[in-house]
Amino acid sequence: MAPERIGSGIFGGRDSNILAKISNSEIVSQGRRAAYDAVYLSKKLLRSTAKAAWFAGTTFLILVVPLSIQMERDQLLGEIQCQQASLLGLSPAGAL
C-alpha cells in the first residue's frame, strides 16, 4: 500500500489552502479586530466599575461609619447619665 499523503482529504490536498484563504480573508480580519476591541472595552469597563465601587465603598466608610459611632457614643453617654442620676437619687434629665 502506498503511504497516504498529508493533506490528501476530500479536496485532494486543497483543504489547507482553502483554510488559509478563509483565515486570511478580510471578513475574518474584521471579526478578529472587533473581538479584540470588545475585549479591550470590556476590560476598561471592568476597571472603571471596580474603581467606582472602591470609591463608593471608601466614601461610605469615611462618611457613614463615624456618624454611627458618634450616635452610639451619644446613646451610651445618655444611658450612663441616667444610671448616675438614679444612683444619686435624682430624676433623669429627660423625665418630667
Protein backbone atom coordinates (compact mmCIF):
# COMPACT_ATOMS: atom_id res chain seq x y z
CA MET A 1 0.00 0.00 0.00
CA ALA A 2 1.21 3.46 -0.80
CA PRO A 3 1.61 5.81 2.16
CA GLU A 4 -1.11 8.41 2.46
CA ARG A 5 -0.10 11.98 1.71
CA ILE A 6 -0.58 14.64 4.34
CA GLY A 7 -3.50 16.84 3.38
CA SER A 8 -5.00 14.37 0.96
CA GLY A 9 -8.53 14.63 2.27
CA ILE A 10 -11.77 15.24 0.48
CA PHE A 11 -10.32 18.11 -1.52
CA GLY A 12 -7.15 16.26 -2.51
CA GLY A 13 -4.71 18.46 -0.56
CA ARG A 14 -6.54 21.70 -1.25
CA ASP A 15 -8.28 21.91 2.15
CA SER A 16 -5.28 23.58 3.83
CA ASN A 17 -5.19 26.12 1.01
CA ILE A 18 -8.88 26.87 1.46
CA LEU A 19 -8.45 27.25 5.23
CA ALA A 20 -5.54 29.64 4.66
CA LYS A 21 -7.64 31.72 2.29
CA ILE A 22 -10.52 31.84 4.75
CA SER A 23 -8.34 32.73 7.74
CA ASN A 24 -6.59 35.48 5.77
CA SER A 25 -9.80 36.94 4.35
CA GLU A 26 -10.88 40.49 5.11
CA ILE A 27 -14.09 39.47 6.90
CA VAL A 28 -12.15 37.26 9.32
CA SER A 29 -9.70 40.10 9.95
CA GLN A 30 -12.57 42.48 10.69
CA GLY A 31 -14.13 39.93 13.02
CA ARG A 32 -10.83 39.49 14.83
CA ARG A 33 -10.43 43.25 15.22
CA ALA A 34 -13.99 43.55 16.50
CA ALA A 35 -13.37 40.78 19.04
CA TYR A 36 -10.15 42.41 20.26
CA ASP A 37 -11.91 45.78 20.55
CA ALA A 38 -14.74 44.19 22.53
CA VAL A 39 -12.28 42.57 24.92
CA TYR A 40 -10.36 45.84 25.31
CA LEU A 41 -13.51 47.83 26.06
CA SER A 42 -14.78 45.16 28.45
CA LYS A 43 -11.54 45.33 30.42
CA LYS A 44 -11.73 49.14 30.56
CA LEU A 45 -15.35 48.97 31.72
CA LEU A 46 -14.49 46.39 34.38
CA ARG A 47 -11.60 48.52 35.66
CA SER A 48 -13.69 51.69 35.81
CA THR A 49 -16.53 49.84 37.52
CA ALA A 50 -14.10 48.45 40.09
CA LYS A 51 -12.68 51.92 40.69
CA ALA A 52 -16.17 53.36 41.13
CA ALA A 53 -17.10 50.58 43.58
CA TRP A 54 -13.92 51.18 45.58
CA PHE A 55 -14.60 54.92 45.61
CA ALA A 56 -18.20 54.44 46.77
CA GLY A 57 -17.17 51.97 49.48
CA THR A 58 -14.42 54.23 50.76
CA THR A 59 -16.75 57.23 50.79
CA PHE A 60 -19.31 55.20 52.74
CA LEU A 61 -16.70 54.24 55.32
CA ILE A 62 -15.45 57.80 55.67
CA LEU A 63 -18.87 59.46 55.92
CA VAL A 64 -21.28 56.95 57.47
CA VAL A 65 -19.24 54.89 59.93
CA PRO A 66 -18.06 57.85 62.06
CA LEU A 67 -21.67 59.08 62.26
CA SER A 68 -22.89 55.73 63.54
CA ILE A 69 -20.04 55.61 66.07
CA GLN A 70 -20.97 59.12 67.24
CA MET A 71 -24.64 58.11 67.63
CA GLU A 72 -23.65 55.03 69.65
CA ARG A 73 -21.37 57.17 71.82
CA ASP A 74 -24.18 59.69 72.47
CA GLN A 75 -26.60 56.89 73.34
CA LEU A 76 -24.10 55.31 75.75
CA LEU A 77 -23.41 58.68 77.36
CA GLY A 78 -27.17 59.22 77.87
CA GLU A 79 -27.53 55.79 79.45
CA ILE A 80 -24.58 56.42 81.80
CA GLN A 81 -26.06 59.78 82.84
CA CYS A 82 -29.40 58.09 83.60
CA GLN A 83 -27.66 55.43 85.67
CA GLN A 84 -25.68 58.03 87.58
CA ALA A 85 -28.81 60.08 88.23
CA SER A 86 -30.67 57.04 89.53
CA LEU A 87 -27.75 56.14 91.82
CA LEU A 88 -27.70 59.67 93.22
CA GLY A 89 -31.48 59.66 93.69
CA LEU A 90 -32.09 62.37 91.14
CA SER A 91 -34.72 62.24 88.43
CA PRO A 92 -33.29 61.71 84.93
CA ALA A 93 -32.83 64.88 82.89
CA GLY A 94 -35.30 63.83 80.19
CA ALA A 95 -38.11 62.76 82.60
CA LEU A 96 -40.94 65.12 83.61
